[in-house]
Amino acid sequence: MRDSMPQTPTFHPRSEDPSPGVPAFVSAEERRARGTRLGFRVDAETKNQVERAAALERRSLTDFCLSALAQASREAIARHESLVLSERDREVFFDALIHAPEPNARLRRAFGSAEERVVR
């Protein structure tokens, strides 16, 4: 049952924190989950901007960057894994499903060939 209980946040000092004195509350589970590293270089202006944004949010630089990166990743994946159709496109698609044409000779040959290769 211990695994299902919420973890109590603990204080951990942050060396990269641009706003000293702001406590960093990180659960033990979060600390264990961050077992791999991801490193990249940025220009000074970008770093200053990100540090300022993290400070305004009263979050560590690592937490701020990790959250922003994870959110951007989820959005990019969602954009590439979903298909948004216009109303007209949707009607054409469903009309083709409902009123599918009869298979032509080439399609019948393809089905026959596939059936021969399928092992049951």
PDB file of N, CA and C in Angstrom:
ATOM      1  N   MET A   1       0.808  -1.189   0.000  1.00  0.00           N
ATOM      2  CA  MET A   1       0.000   0.000   0.000  1.00  0.00           C
ATOM      3  C   MET A   1       0.858   1.262   0.000  1.00  0.00           C
ATOM      4  N   ARG A   2       2.092   1.150   0.398  1.00  0.00           N
ATOM      5  CA  ARG A   2       2.953   2.320   0.487  1.00  0.00           C
ATOM      6  C   ARG A   2       3.113   3.012  -0.868  1.00  0.00           C
ATOM      7  N   ASP A   3       3.156   2.219  -1.967  1.00  0.00           N
ATOM      8  CA  ASP A   3       3.330   2.792  -3.294  1.00  0.00           C
ATOM      9  C   ASP A   3       2.170   3.678  -3.701  1.00  0.00           C
ATOM     10  N   SER A   4       0.974   3.400  -3.209  1.00  0.00           N
ATOM     11  CA  SER A   4      -0.183   4.185  -3.602  1.00  0.00           C
ATOM     12  C   SER A   4      -0.340   5.454  -2.779  1.00  0.00           C
ATOM     13  N   MET A   5       0.436   5.600  -1.706  1.00  0.00           N
ATOM     14  CA  MET A   5       0.340   6.789  -0.871  1.00  0.00           C
ATOM     15  C   MET A   5       1.096   7.936  -1.531  1.00  0.00           C
ATOM     16  N   PRO A   6       0.570   9.167  -1.458  1.00  0.00           N
ATOM     17  CA  PRO A   6       1.278  10.289  -2.056  1.00  0.00           C
ATOM     18  C   PRO A   6       2.593  10.554  -1.339  1.00  0.00           C
ATOM     19  N   GLN A   7       3.606  10.924  -2.109  1.00  0.00           N
ATOM     20  CA  GLN A   7       4.908  11.231  -1.553  1.00  0.00           C
ATOM     21  C   GLN A   7       4.883  12.627  -0.945  1.00  0.00           C
ATOM     22  N   THR A   8       5.501  12.769   0.204  1.00  0.00           N
ATOM     23  CA  THR A   8       5.607  14.075   0.834  1.00  0.00           C
ATOM     24  C   THR A   8       6.747  14.832   0.172  1.00  0.00           C
ATOM     25  N   PRO A   9       6.468  16.077  -0.310  1.00  0.00           N
ATOM     26  CA  PRO A   9       7.544  16.836  -0.937  1.00  0.00           C
ATOM     27  C   PRO A   9       8.651  17.136   0.063  1.00  0.00           C
ATOM     28  N   THR A  10       9.879  17.150  -0.417  1.00  0.00           N
ATOM     29  CA  THR A  10      11.021  17.462   0.432  1.00  0.00           C
ATOM     30  C   THR A  10      11.793  18.612  -0.177  1.00  0.00           C
ATOM     31  N   PHE A  11      12.508  19.352   0.649  1.00  0.00           N
ATOM     32  CA  PHE A  11      13.280  20.494   0.187  1.00  0.00           C
ATOM     33  C   PHE A  11      14.636  20.042  -0.316  1.00  0.00           C
ATOM     34  N   HIS A  12      15.013  20.517  -1.497  1.00  0.00           N
ATOM     35  CA  HIS A  12      16.316  20.232  -2.072  1.00  0.00           C
ATOM     36  C   HIS A  12      16.871  21.523  -2.629  1.00  0.00           C
ATOM     37  N   PRO A  13      18.035  21.961  -2.159  1.00  0.00           N
ATOM     38  CA  PRO A  13      18.605  23.194  -2.683  1.00  0.00           C
ATOM     39  C   PRO A  13      18.933  23.052  -4.163  1.00  0.00           C
ATOM     40  N   ARG A  14      18.809  24.164  -4.879  1.00  0.00           N
ATOM     41  CA  ARG A  14      19.042  24.157  -6.310  1.00  0.00           C
ATOM     42  C   ARG A  14      20.206  25.073  -6.628  1.00  0.00           C
ATOM     43  N   SER A  15      21.238  24.525  -7.220  1.00  0.00           N
ATOM     44  CA  SER A  15      22.392  25.345  -7.561  1.00  0.00           C
ATOM     45  C   SER A  15      22.093  26.215  -8.773  1.00  0.00           C
ATOM     46  N   GLU A  16      21.188  25.762  -9.658  1.00  0.00           N
ATOM     47  CA  GLU A  16      20.909  26.529 -10.859  1.00  0.00           C
ATOM     48  C   GLU A  16      19.771  27.519 -10.665  1.00  0.00           C
ATOM     49  N   ASP A  17      19.250  27.636  -9.442  1.00  0.00           N
ATOM     50  CA  ASP A  17      18.101  28.484  -9.177  1.00  0.00           C
ATOM     51  C   ASP A  17      18.477  29.966  -9.283  1.00  0.00           C
ATOM     52  N   PRO A  18      17.831  30.703 -10.197  1.00  0.00           N
ATOM     53  CA  PRO A  18      18.137  32.113 -10.329  1.00  0.00           C
ATOM     54  C   PRO A  18      17.514  32.966  -9.227  1.00  0.00           C
ATOM     55  N   SER A  19      16.654  32.371  -8.410  1.00  0.00           N
ATOM     56  CA  SER A  19      16.020  33.127  -7.333  1.00  0.00           C
ATOM     57  C   SER A  19      16.272  32.421  -6.001  1.00  0.00           C
ATOM     58  N   PRO A  20      17.404  32.694  -5.337  1.00  0.00           N
ATOM     59  CA  PRO A  20      17.734  32.027  -4.082  1.00  0.00           C
ATOM     60  C   PRO A  20      16.647  32.259  -3.034  1.00  0.00           C
ATOM     61  N   GLY A  21      16.480  31.276  -2.186  1.00  0.00           N
ATOM     62  CA  GLY A  21      15.502  31.394  -1.116  1.00  0.00           C
ATOM     63  C   GLY A  21      14.148  30.809  -1.463  1.00  0.00           C
ATOM     64  N   VAL A  22      13.919  30.501  -2.741  1.00  0.00           N
ATOM     65  CA  VAL A  22      12.666  29.889  -3.146  1.00  0.00           C
ATOM     66  C   VAL A  22      12.835  28.388  -2.999  1.00  0.00           C
ATOM     67  N   PRO A  23      12.034  27.742  -2.134  1.00  0.00           N
ATOM     68  CA  PRO A  23      12.231  26.309  -1.907  1.00  0.00           C
ATOM     69  C   PRO A  23      11.874  25.489  -3.133  1.00  0.00           C
ATOM     70  N   ALA A  24      12.621  24.432  -3.327  1.00  0.00           N
ATOM     71  CA  ALA A  24      12.346  23.489  -4.409  1.00  0.00           C
ATOM     72  C   ALA A  24      11.709  22.259  -3.787  1.00  0.00           C
ATOM     73  N   PHE A  25      10.460  22.021  -4.092  1.00  0.00           N
ATOM     74  CA  PHE A  25       9.772  20.865  -3.546  1.00  0.00           C
ATOM     75  C   PHE A  25       9.711  19.787  -4.607  1.00  0.00           C
ATOM     76  N   VAL A  26      10.454  18.728  -4.362  1.00  0.00           N
ATOM     77  CA  VAL A  26      10.540  17.625  -5.299  1.00  0.00           C
ATOM     78  C   VAL A  26      10.309  16.343  -4.520  1.00  0.00           C
ATOM     79  N   SER A  27       9.387  15.533  -4.994  1.00  0.00           N
ATOM     80  CA  SER A  27       9.110  14.283  -4.293  1.00  0.00           C
ATOM     81  C   SER A  27      10.232  13.288  -4.569  1.00  0.00           C
ATOM     82  N   ALA A  28      10.366  12.308  -3.695  1.00  0.00           N
ATOM     83  CA  ALA A  28      11.385  11.267  -3.865  1.00  0.00           C
ATOM     84  C   ALA A  28      11.122  10.503  -5.157  1.00  0.00           C
ATOM     85  N   GLU A  29       9.869  10.311  -5.495  1.00  0.00           N
ATOM     86  CA  GLU A  29       9.511   9.595  -6.723  1.00  0.00           C
ATOM     87  C   GLU A  29       9.982  10.370  -7.956  1.00  0.00           C
ATOM     88  N   GLU A  30       9.822  11.698  -7.935  1.00  0.00           N
ATOM     89  CA  GLU A  30      10.283  12.515  -9.056  1.00  0.00           C
ATOM     90  C   GLU A  30      11.799  12.449  -9.191  1.00  0.00           C
ATOM     91  N   ARG A  31      12.509  12.472  -8.082  1.00  0.00           N
ATOM     92  CA  ARG A  31      13.969  12.405  -8.125  1.00  0.00           C
ATOM     93  C   ARG A  31      14.430  11.086  -8.731  1.00  0.00           C
ATOM     94  N   ARG A  32      13.771   9.977  -8.370  1.00  0.00           N
ATOM     95  CA  ARG A  32      14.145   8.666  -8.907  1.00  0.00           C
ATOM     96  C   ARG A  32      13.809   8.571 -10.390  1.00  0.00           C
ATOM     97  N   ALA A  33      12.712   9.182 -10.818  1.00  0.00           N
ATOM     98  CA  ALA A  33      12.269   9.082 -12.206  1.00  0.00           C
ATOM     99  C   ALA A  33      13.212   9.798 -13.162  1.00  0.00           C
ATOM    100  N   ARG A  34      13.959  10.755 -12.683  1.00  0.00           N
ATOM    101  CA  ARG A  34      14.865  11.523 -13.541  1.00  0.00           C
ATOM    102  C   ARG A  34      16.248  10.883 -13.546  1.00  0.00           C
ATOM    103  N   GLY A  35      16.334   9.697 -14.102  1.00  0.00           N
ATOM    104  CA  GLY A  35      17.587   8.958 -14.076  1.00  0.00           C
ATOM    105  C   GLY A  35      18.488   9.184 -15.274  1.00  0.00           C
ATOM    106  N   THR A  36      17.979   9.817 -16.340  1.00  0.00           N
ATOM    107  CA  THR A  36      18.810  10.051 -17.517  1.00  0.00           C
ATOM    108  C   THR A  36      18.991  11.547 -17.735  1.00  0.00           C
ATOM    109  N   ARG A  37      20.024  11.883 -18.490  1.00  0.00           N
ATOM    110  CA  ARG A  37      20.344  13.292 -18.727  1.00  0.00           C
ATOM    111  C   ARG A  37      20.084  13.652 -20.186  1.00  0.00           C
ATOM    112  N   LEU A  38      19.776  14.916 -20.383  1.00  0.00           N
ATOM    113  CA  LEU A  38      19.601  15.474 -21.710  1.00  0.00           C
ATOM    114  C   LEU A  38      20.296  16.824 -21.690  1.00  0.00           C
ATOM    115  N   GLY A  39      21.350  16.970 -22.447  1.00  0.00           N
ATOM    116  CA  GLY A  39      22.106  18.218 -22.405  1.00  0.00           C
ATOM    117  C   GLY A  39      22.132  18.906 -23.753  1.00  0.00           C
ATOM    118  N   PHE A  40      22.084  20.230 -23.745  1.00  0.00           N
ATOM    119  CA  PHE A  40      22.189  21.005 -24.970  1.00  0.00           C
ATOM    120  C   PHE A  40      22.695  22.400 -24.634  1.00  0.00           C
ATOM    121  N   ARG A  41      23.236  23.079 -25.623  1.00  0.00           N
ATOM    122  CA  ARG A  41      23.777  24.415 -25.435  1.00  0.00           C
ATOM    123  C   ARG A  41      22.817  25.435 -26.030  1.00  0.00           C
ATOM    124  N   VAL A  42      22.737  26.608 -25.379  1.00  0.00           N
ATOM    125  CA  VAL A  42      21.910  27.705 -25.867  1.00  0.00           C
ATOM    126  C   VAL A  42      22.730  28.990 -25.830  1.00  0.00           C
ATOM    127  N   ASP A  43      22.271  29.992 -26.572  1.00  0.00           N
ATOM    128  CA  ASP A  43      22.966  31.269 -26.533  1.00  0.00           C
ATOM    129  C   ASP A  43      22.609  31.994 -25.228  1.00  0.00           C
ATOM    130  N   ALA A  44      23.402  32.998 -24.880  1.00  0.00           N
ATOM    131  CA  ALA A  44      23.246  33.702 -23.602  1.00  0.00           C
ATOM    132  C   ALA A  44      21.874  34.349 -23.469  1.00  0.00           C
ATOM    133  N   GLU A  45      21.356  34.919 -24.549  1.00  0.00           N
ATOM    134  CA  GLU A  45      20.049  35.578 -24.491  1.00  0.00           C
ATOM    135  C   GLU A  45      18.938  34.586 -24.155  1.00  0.00           C
ATOM    136  N   THR A  46      18.980  33.415 -24.787  1.00  0.00           N
ATOM    137  CA  THR A  46      17.980  32.385 -24.509  1.00  0.00           C
ATOM    138  C   THR A  46      18.090  31.905 -23.064  1.00  0.00           C
ATOM    139  N   LYS A  47      19.306  31.687 -22.605  1.00  0.00           N
ATOM    140  CA  LYS A  47      19.489  31.234 -21.221  1.00  0.00           C
ATOM    141  C   LYS A  47      18.939  32.259 -20.241  1.00  0.00           C
ATOM    142  N   ASN A  48      19.247  33.543 -20.460  1.00  0.00           N
ATOM    143  CA  ASN A  48      18.738  34.594 -19.577  1.00  0.00           C
ATOM    144  C   ASN A  48      17.212  34.637 -19.582  1.00  0.00           C
ATOM    145  N   GLN A  49      16.630  34.482 -20.746  1.00  0.00           N
ATOM    146  CA  GLN A  49      15.174  34.511 -20.870  1.00  0.00           C
ATOM    147  C   GLN A  49      14.541  33.334 -20.116  1.00  0.00           C
ATOM    148  N   VAL A  50      15.109  32.152 -20.281  1.00  0.00           N
ATOM    149  CA  VAL A  50      14.575  30.961 -19.614  1.00  0.00           C
ATOM    150  C   VAL A  50      14.765  31.074 -18.099  1.00  0.00           C
ATOM    151  N   GLU A  51      15.919  31.562 -17.658  1.00  0.00           N
ATOM    152  CA  GLU A  51      16.146  31.754 -16.220  1.00  0.00           C
ATOM    153  C   GLU A  51      15.144  32.747 -15.636  1.00  0.00           C
ATOM    154  N   ARG A  52      14.880  33.821 -16.368  1.00  0.00           N
ATOM    155  CA  ARG A  52      13.917  34.816 -15.884  1.00  0.00           C
ATOM    156  C   ARG A  52      12.516  34.221 -15.790  1.00  0.00           C
ATOM    157  N   ALA A  53      12.119  33.475 -16.819  1.00  0.00           N
ATOM    158  CA  ALA A  53      10.797  32.845 -16.820  1.00  0.00           C
ATOM    159  C   ALA A  53      10.662  31.859 -15.662  1.00  0.00           C
ATOM    160  N   ALA A  54      11.695  31.063 -15.425  1.00  0.00           N
ATOM    161  CA  ALA A  54      11.669  30.105 -14.313  1.00  0.00           C
ATOM    162  C   ALA A  54      11.544  30.838 -12.989  1.00  0.00           C
ATOM    163  N   ALA A  55      12.280  31.939 -12.834  1.00  0.00           N
ATOM    164  CA  ALA A  55      12.220  32.718 -11.595  1.00  0.00           C
ATOM    165  C   ALA A  55      10.828  33.308 -11.398  1.00  0.00           C
ATOM    166  N   LEU A  56      10.230  33.814 -12.473  1.00  0.00           N
ATOM    167  CA  LEU A  56       8.880  34.381 -12.369  1.00  0.00           C
ATOM    168  C   LEU A  56       7.852  33.326 -11.969  1.00  0.00           C
ATOM    169  N   GLU A  57       8.081  32.110 -12.417  1.00  0.00           N
ATOM    170  CA  GLU A  57       7.199  30.993 -12.061  1.00  0.00           C
ATOM    171  C   GLU A  57       7.555  30.392 -10.712  1.00  0.00           C
ATOM    172  N   ARG A  58       8.644  30.882 -10.100  1.00  0.00           N
ATOM    173  CA  ARG A  58       9.134  30.391  -8.808  1.00  0.00           C
ATOM    174  C   ARG A  58       9.414  28.884  -8.873  1.00  0.00           C
ATOM    175  N   ARG A  59      10.108  28.497  -9.972  1.00  0.00           N
ATOM    176  CA  ARG A  59      10.462  27.099 -10.188  1.00  0.00           C
ATOM    177  C   ARG A  59      11.945  27.023 -10.491  1.00  0.00           C
ATOM    178  N   SER A  60      12.513  25.863 -10.264  1.00  0.00           N
ATOM    179  CA  SER A  60      13.925  25.681 -10.604  1.00  0.00           C
ATOM    180  C   SER A  60      14.067  25.715 -12.121  1.00  0.00           C
ATOM    181  N   LEU A  61      15.256  26.030 -12.564  1.00  0.00           N
ATOM    182  CA  LEU A  61      15.528  26.059 -13.997  1.00  0.00           C
ATOM    183  C   LEU A  61      15.283  24.675 -14.601  1.00  0.00           C
ATOM    184  N   THR A  62      15.740  23.639 -13.923  1.00  0.00           N
ATOM    185  CA  THR A  62      15.546  22.272 -14.404  1.00  0.00           C
ATOM    186  C   THR A  62      14.072  21.927 -14.512  1.00  0.00           C
ATOM    187  N   ASP A  63      13.306  22.209 -13.476  1.00  0.00           N
ATOM    188  CA  ASP A  63      11.873  21.894 -13.477  1.00  0.00           C
ATOM    189  C   ASP A  63      11.154  22.668 -14.575  1.00  0.00           C
ATOM    190  N   PHE A  64      11.479  23.951 -14.708  1.00  0.00           N
ATOM    191  CA  PHE A  64      10.842  24.776 -15.729  1.00  0.00           C
ATOM    192  C   PHE A  64      11.134  24.226 -17.122  1.00  0.00           C
ATOM    193  N   CYS A  65      12.414  23.948 -17.404  1.00  0.00           N
ATOM    194  CA  CYS A  65      12.804  23.434 -18.717  1.00  0.00           C
ATOM    195  C   CYS A  65      12.197  22.063 -18.993  1.00  0.00           C
ATOM    196  N   LEU A  66      12.205  21.192 -17.991  1.00  0.00           N
ATOM    197  CA  LEU A  66      11.652  19.857 -18.162  1.00  0.00           C
ATOM    198  C   LEU A  66      10.161  19.922 -18.474  1.00  0.00           C
ATOM    199  N   SER A  67       9.432  20.760 -17.747  1.00  0.00           N
ATOM    200  CA  SER A  67       7.993  20.903 -17.987  1.00  0.00           C
ATOM    201  C   SER A  67       7.713  21.449 -19.383  1.00  0.00           C
ATOM    202  N   ALA A  68       8.451  22.491 -19.777  1.00  0.00           N
ATOM    203  CA  ALA A  68       8.239  23.089 -21.097  1.00  0.00           C
ATOM    204  C   ALA A  68       8.585  22.102 -22.206  1.00  0.00           C
ATOM    205  N   LEU A  69       9.671  21.375 -22.036  1.00  0.00           N
ATOM    206  CA  LEU A  69      10.099  20.398 -23.035  1.00  0.00           C
ATOM    207  C   LEU A  69       9.090  19.253 -23.149  1.00  0.00           C
ATOM    208  N   ALA A  70       8.613  18.777 -22.013  1.00  0.00           N
ATOM    209  CA  ALA A  70       7.634  17.680 -22.023  1.00  0.00           C
ATOM    210  C   ALA A  70       6.336  18.131 -22.692  1.00  0.00           C
ATOM    211  N   GLN A  71       5.874  19.354 -22.385  1.00  0.00           N
ATOM    212  CA  GLN A  71       4.640  19.876 -22.973  1.00  0.00           C
ATOM    213  C   GLN A  71       4.803  20.034 -24.490  1.00  0.00           C
ATOM    214  N   ALA A  72       5.911  20.610 -24.926  1.00  0.00           N
ATOM    215  CA  ALA A  72       6.153  20.783 -26.358  1.00  0.00           C
ATOM    216  C   ALA A  72       6.222  19.429 -27.063  1.00  0.00           C
ATOM    217  N   SER A  73       6.808  18.438 -26.414  1.00  0.00           N
ATOM    218  CA  SER A  73       6.895  17.092 -26.993  1.00  0.00           C
ATOM    219  C   SER A  73       5.521  16.471 -27.154  1.00  0.00           C
ATOM    220  N   ARG A  74       4.694  16.575 -26.103  1.00  0.00           N
ATOM    221  CA  ARG A  74       3.333  16.024 -26.179  1.00  0.00           C
ATOM    222  C   ARG A  74       2.539  16.684 -27.306  1.00  0.00           C
ATOM    223  N   GLU A  75       2.668  18.011 -27.435  1.00  0.00           N
ATOM    224  CA  GLU A  75       1.931  18.726 -28.484  1.00  0.00           C
ATOM    225  C   GLU A  75       2.407  18.326 -29.876  1.00  0.00           C
ATOM    226  N   ALA A  76       3.713  18.191 -30.062  1.00  0.00           N
ATOM    227  CA  ALA A  76       4.251  17.791 -31.367  1.00  0.00           C
ATOM    228  C   ALA A  76       3.777  16.388 -31.741  1.00  0.00           C
ATOM    229  N   ILE A  77       3.825  15.479 -30.790  1.00  0.00           N
ATOM    230  CA  ILE A  77       3.371  14.106 -31.047  1.00  0.00           C
ATOM    231  C   ILE A  77       1.886  14.095 -31.386  1.00  0.00           C
ATOM    232  N   ALA A  78       1.084  14.835 -30.639  1.00  0.00           N
ATOM    233  CA  ALA A  78      -0.361  14.890 -30.900  1.00  0.00           C
ATOM    234  C   ALA A  78      -0.647  15.444 -32.295  1.00  0.00           C
ATOM    235  N   ARG A  79       0.089  16.480 -32.698  1.00  0.00           N
ATOM    236  CA  ARG A  79      -0.118  17.054 -34.035  1.00  0.00           C
ATOM    237  C   ARG A  79       0.179  16.030 -35.131  1.00  0.00           C
ATOM    238  N   HIS A  80       1.184  15.197 -34.908  1.00  0.00           N
ATOM    239  CA  HIS A  80       1.579  14.238 -35.934  1.00  0.00           C
ATOM    240  C   HIS A  80       0.798  12.932 -35.873  1.00  0.00           C
ATOM    241  N   GLU A  81       0.135  12.671 -34.765  1.00  0.00           N
ATOM    242  CA  GLU A  81      -0.613  11.422 -34.631  1.00  0.00           C
ATOM    243  C   GLU A  81      -2.104  11.597 -34.872  1.00  0.00           C
ATOM    244  N   SER A  82      -2.549  12.813 -35.119  1.00  0.00           N
ATOM    245  CA  SER A  82      -3.972  13.030 -35.344  1.00  0.00           C
ATOM    246  C   SER A  82      -4.189  13.640 -36.717  1.00  0.00           C
ATOM    247  N   LEU A  83      -5.356  13.429 -37.229  1.00  0.00           N
ATOM    248  CA  LEU A  83      -5.726  13.934 -38.533  1.00  0.00           C
ATOM    249  C   LEU A  83      -6.983  14.771 -38.342  1.00  0.00           C
ATOM    250  N   VAL A  84      -6.917  16.026 -38.744  1.00  0.00           N
ATOM    251  CA  VAL A  84      -8.063  16.918 -38.601  1.00  0.00           C
ATOM    252  C   VAL A  84      -8.637  17.136 -39.992  1.00  0.00           C
ATOM    253  N   LEU A  85      -9.887  16.773 -40.132  1.00  0.00           N
ATOM    254  CA  LEU A  85     -10.561  16.903 -41.423  1.00  0.00           C
ATOM    255  C   LEU A  85     -11.547  18.052 -41.396  1.00  0.00           C
ATOM    256  N   SER A  86     -11.706  18.684 -42.544  1.00  0.00           N
ATOM    257  CA  SER A  86     -12.766  19.687 -42.670  1.00  0.00           C
ATOM    258  C   SER A  86     -14.091  18.935 -42.733  1.00  0.00           C
ATOM    259  N   GLU A  87     -15.174  19.649 -42.606  1.00  0.00           N
ATOM    260  CA  GLU A  87     -16.496  19.019 -42.678  1.00  0.00           C
ATOM    261  C   GLU A  87     -16.674  18.330 -44.033  1.00  0.00           C
ATOM    262  N   ARG A  88     -16.221  18.976 -45.097  1.00  0.00           N
ATOM    263  CA  ARG A  88     -16.327  18.395 -46.436  1.00  0.00           C
ATOM    264  C   ARG A  88     -15.493  17.124 -46.545  1.00  0.00           C
ATOM    265  N   ASP A  89     -14.252  17.168 -46.048  1.00  0.00           N
ATOM    266  CA  ASP A  89     -13.376  15.984 -46.084  1.00  0.00           C
ATOM    267  C   ASP A  89     -13.985  14.828 -45.307  1.00  0.00           C
ATOM    268  N   ARG A  90     -14.570  15.139 -44.152  1.00  0.00           N
ATOM    269  CA  ARG A  90     -15.200  14.106 -43.330  1.00  0.00           C
ATOM    270  C   ARG A  90     -16.351  13.452 -44.089  1.00  0.00           C
ATOM    271  N   GLU A  91     -17.176  14.262 -44.761  1.00  0.00           N
ATOM    272  CA  GLU A  91     -18.318  13.728 -45.523  1.00  0.00           C
ATOM    273  C   GLU A  91     -17.841  12.842 -46.673  1.00  0.00           C
ATOM    274  N   VAL A  92     -16.802  13.278 -47.379  1.00  0.00           N
ATOM    275  CA  VAL A  92     -16.264  12.491 -48.492  1.00  0.00           C
ATOM    276  C   VAL A  92     -15.707  11.168 -47.973  1.00  0.00           C
ATOM    277  N   PHE A  93     -14.975  11.215 -46.859  1.00  0.00           N
ATOM    278  CA  PHE A  93     -14.390  10.002 -46.284  1.00  0.00           C
ATOM    279  C   PHE A  93     -15.473   8.998 -45.895  1.00  0.00           C
ATOM    280  N   PHE A  94     -16.476   9.457 -45.137  1.00  0.00           N
ATOM    281  CA  PHE A  94     -17.513   8.529 -44.696  1.00  0.00           C
ATOM    282  C   PHE A  94     -18.392   8.066 -45.848  1.00  0.00           C
ATOM    283  N   ASP A  95     -18.584   8.896 -46.855  1.00  0.00           N
ATOM    284  CA  ASP A  95     -19.354   8.480 -48.021  1.00  0.00           C
ATOM    285  C   ASP A  95     -18.624   7.349 -48.747  1.00  0.00           C
ATOM    286  N   ALA A  96     -17.283   7.471 -48.842  1.00  0.00           N
ATOM    287  CA  ALA A  96     -16.496   6.417 -49.492  1.00  0.00           C
ATOM    288  C   ALA A  96     -16.558   5.121 -48.691  1.00  0.00           C
ATOM    289  N   LEU A  97     -16.621   5.212 -47.368  1.00  0.00           N
ATOM    290  CA  LEU A  97     -16.730   3.998 -46.550  1.00  0.00           C
ATOM    291  C   LEU A  97     -18.097   3.343 -46.715  1.00  0.00           C
ATOM    292  N   ILE A  98     -19.123   4.169 -46.701  1.00  0.00           N
ATOM    293  CA  ILE A  98     -20.493   3.635 -46.759  1.00  0.00           C
ATOM    294  C   ILE A  98     -20.829   3.145 -48.163  1.00  0.00           C
ATOM    295  N   HIS A  99     -20.407   3.863 -49.167  1.00  0.00           N
ATOM    296  CA  HIS A  99     -20.727   3.513 -50.551  1.00  0.00           C
ATOM    297  C   HIS A  99     -19.454   3.105 -51.298  1.00  0.00           C
ATOM    298  N   ALA A 100     -18.772   2.135 -50.764  1.00  0.00           N
ATOM    299  CA  ALA A 100     -17.513   1.684 -51.364  1.00  0.00           C
ATOM    300  C   ALA A 100     -17.779   1.058 -52.729  1.00  0.00           C
ATOM    301  N   PRO A 101     -16.943   1.353 -53.700  1.00  0.00           N
ATOM    302  CA  PRO A 101     -17.127   0.742 -55.025  1.00  0.00           C
ATOM    303  C   PRO A 101     -16.813  -0.750 -54.975  1.00  0.00           C
ATOM    304  N   GLU A 102     -17.332  -1.473 -55.937  1.00  0.00           N
ATOM    305  CA  GLU A 102     -17.045  -2.901 -56.046  1.00  0.00           C
ATOM    306  C   GLU A 102     -15.558  -3.065 -56.380  1.00  0.00           C
ATOM    307  N   PRO A 103     -14.905  -4.105 -55.822  1.00  0.00           N
ATOM    308  CA  PRO A 103     -13.481  -4.311 -56.120  1.00  0.00           C
ATOM    309  C   PRO A 103     -13.286  -4.634 -57.606  1.00  0.00           C
ATOM    310  N   ASN A 104     -12.280  -4.021 -58.208  1.00  0.00           N
ATOM    311  CA  ASN A 104     -11.979  -4.305 -59.617  1.00  0.00           C
ATOM    312  C   ASN A 104     -11.106  -5.565 -59.702  1.00  0.00           C
ATOM    313  N   ALA A 105     -10.756  -5.962 -60.919  1.00  0.00           N
ATOM    314  CA  ALA A 105      -9.991  -7.207 -61.136  1.00  0.00           C
ATOM    315  C   ALA A 105      -8.632  -7.146 -60.446  1.00  0.00           C
ATOM    316  N   ARG A 106      -7.983  -6.011 -60.515  1.00  0.00           N
ATOM    317  CA  ARG A 106      -6.657  -5.890 -59.901  1.00  0.00           C
ATOM    318  C   ARG A 106      -6.738  -6.067 -58.386  1.00  0.00           C
ATOM    319  N   LEU A 107      -7.747  -5.493 -57.754  1.00  0.00           N
ATOM    320  CA  LEU A 107      -7.898  -5.620 -56.301  1.00  0.00           C
ATOM    321  C   LEU A 107      -8.237  -7.063 -55.927  1.00  0.00           C
ATOM    322  N   ARG A 108      -9.082  -7.722 -56.725  1.00  0.00           N
ATOM    323  CA  ARG A 108      -9.405  -9.135 -56.454  1.00  0.00           C
ATOM    324  C   ARG A 108      -8.156 -10.007 -56.561  1.00  0.00           C
ATOM    325  N   ARG A 109      -7.295  -9.733 -57.551  1.00  0.00           N
ATOM    326  CA  ARG A 109      -6.036 -10.495 -57.675  1.00  0.00           C
ATOM    327  C   ARG A 109      -5.150 -10.249 -56.450  1.00  0.00           C
ATOM    328  N   ALA A 110      -5.098  -9.017 -55.983  1.00  0.00           N
ATOM    329  CA  ALA A 110      -4.269  -8.689 -54.814  1.00  0.00           C
ATOM    330  C   ALA A 110      -4.781  -9.434 -53.589  1.00  0.00           C
ATOM    331  N   PHE A 111      -6.081  -9.484 -53.391  1.00  0.00           N
ATOM    332  CA  PHE A 111      -6.635 -10.224 -52.258  1.00  0.00           C
ATOM    333  C   PHE A 111      -6.312 -11.706 -52.376  1.00  0.00           C
ATOM    334  N   GLY A 112      -6.449 -12.271 -53.597  1.00  0.00           N
ATOM    335  CA  GLY A 112      -6.136 -13.687 -53.812  1.00  0.00           C
ATOM    336  C   GLY A 112      -4.678 -13.975 -53.517  1.00  0.00           C
ATOM    337  N   SER A 113      -3.806 -13.110 -53.951  1.00  0.00           N
ATOM    338  CA  SER A 113      -2.374 -13.283 -53.717  1.00  0.00           C
ATOM    339  C   SER A 113      -2.065 -13.215 -52.216  1.00  0.00           C
ATOM    340  N   ALA A 114      -2.702 -12.287 -51.535  1.00  0.00           N
ATOM    341  CA  ALA A 114      -2.476 -12.149 -50.089  1.00  0.00           C
ATOM    342  C   ALA A 114      -2.978 -13.387 -49.349  1.00  0.00           C
ATOM    343  N   GLU A 115      -4.117 -13.917 -49.752  1.00  0.00           N
ATOM    344  CA  GLU A 115      -4.657 -15.109 -49.086  1.00  0.00           C
ATOM    345  C   GLU A 115      -3.746 -16.304 -49.258  1.00  0.00           C
ATOM    346  N   GLU A 116      -3.089 -16.408 -50.403  1.00  0.00           N
ATOM    347  CA  GLU A 116      -2.168 -17.512 -50.646  1.00  0.00           C
ATOM    348  C   GLU A 116      -0.940 -17.446 -49.731  1.00  0.00           C
ATOM    349  N   ARG A 117      -0.531 -16.220 -49.405  1.00  0.00           N
ATOM    350  CA  ARG A 117       0.667 -16.034 -48.583  1.00  0.00           C
ATOM    351  C   ARG A 117       0.404 -16.069 -47.080  1.00  0.00           C
ATOM    352  N   VAL A 118      -0.847 -15.931 -46.684  1.00  0.00           N
ATOM    353  CA  VAL A 118      -1.170 -15.906 -45.252  1.00  0.00           C
ATOM    354  C   VAL A 118      -1.188 -17.329 -44.709  1.00  0.00           C
ATOM    355  N   VAL A 119      -0.453 -17.542 -43.645  1.00  0.00           N
ATOM    356  CA  VAL A 119      -0.415 -18.846 -43.008  1.00  0.00           C
ATOM    357  C   VAL A 119      -1.385 -18.815 -41.829  1.00  0.00           C
ATOM    358  N   ARG A 120      -2.249 -19.790 -41.781  1.00  0.00           N
ATOM    359  CA  ARG A 120      -3.256 -19.807 -40.691  1.00  0.00           C
ATOM    360  C   ARG A 120      -3.017 -20.965 -39.785  1.00  0.00           C
TER     361      ARG A 120
END
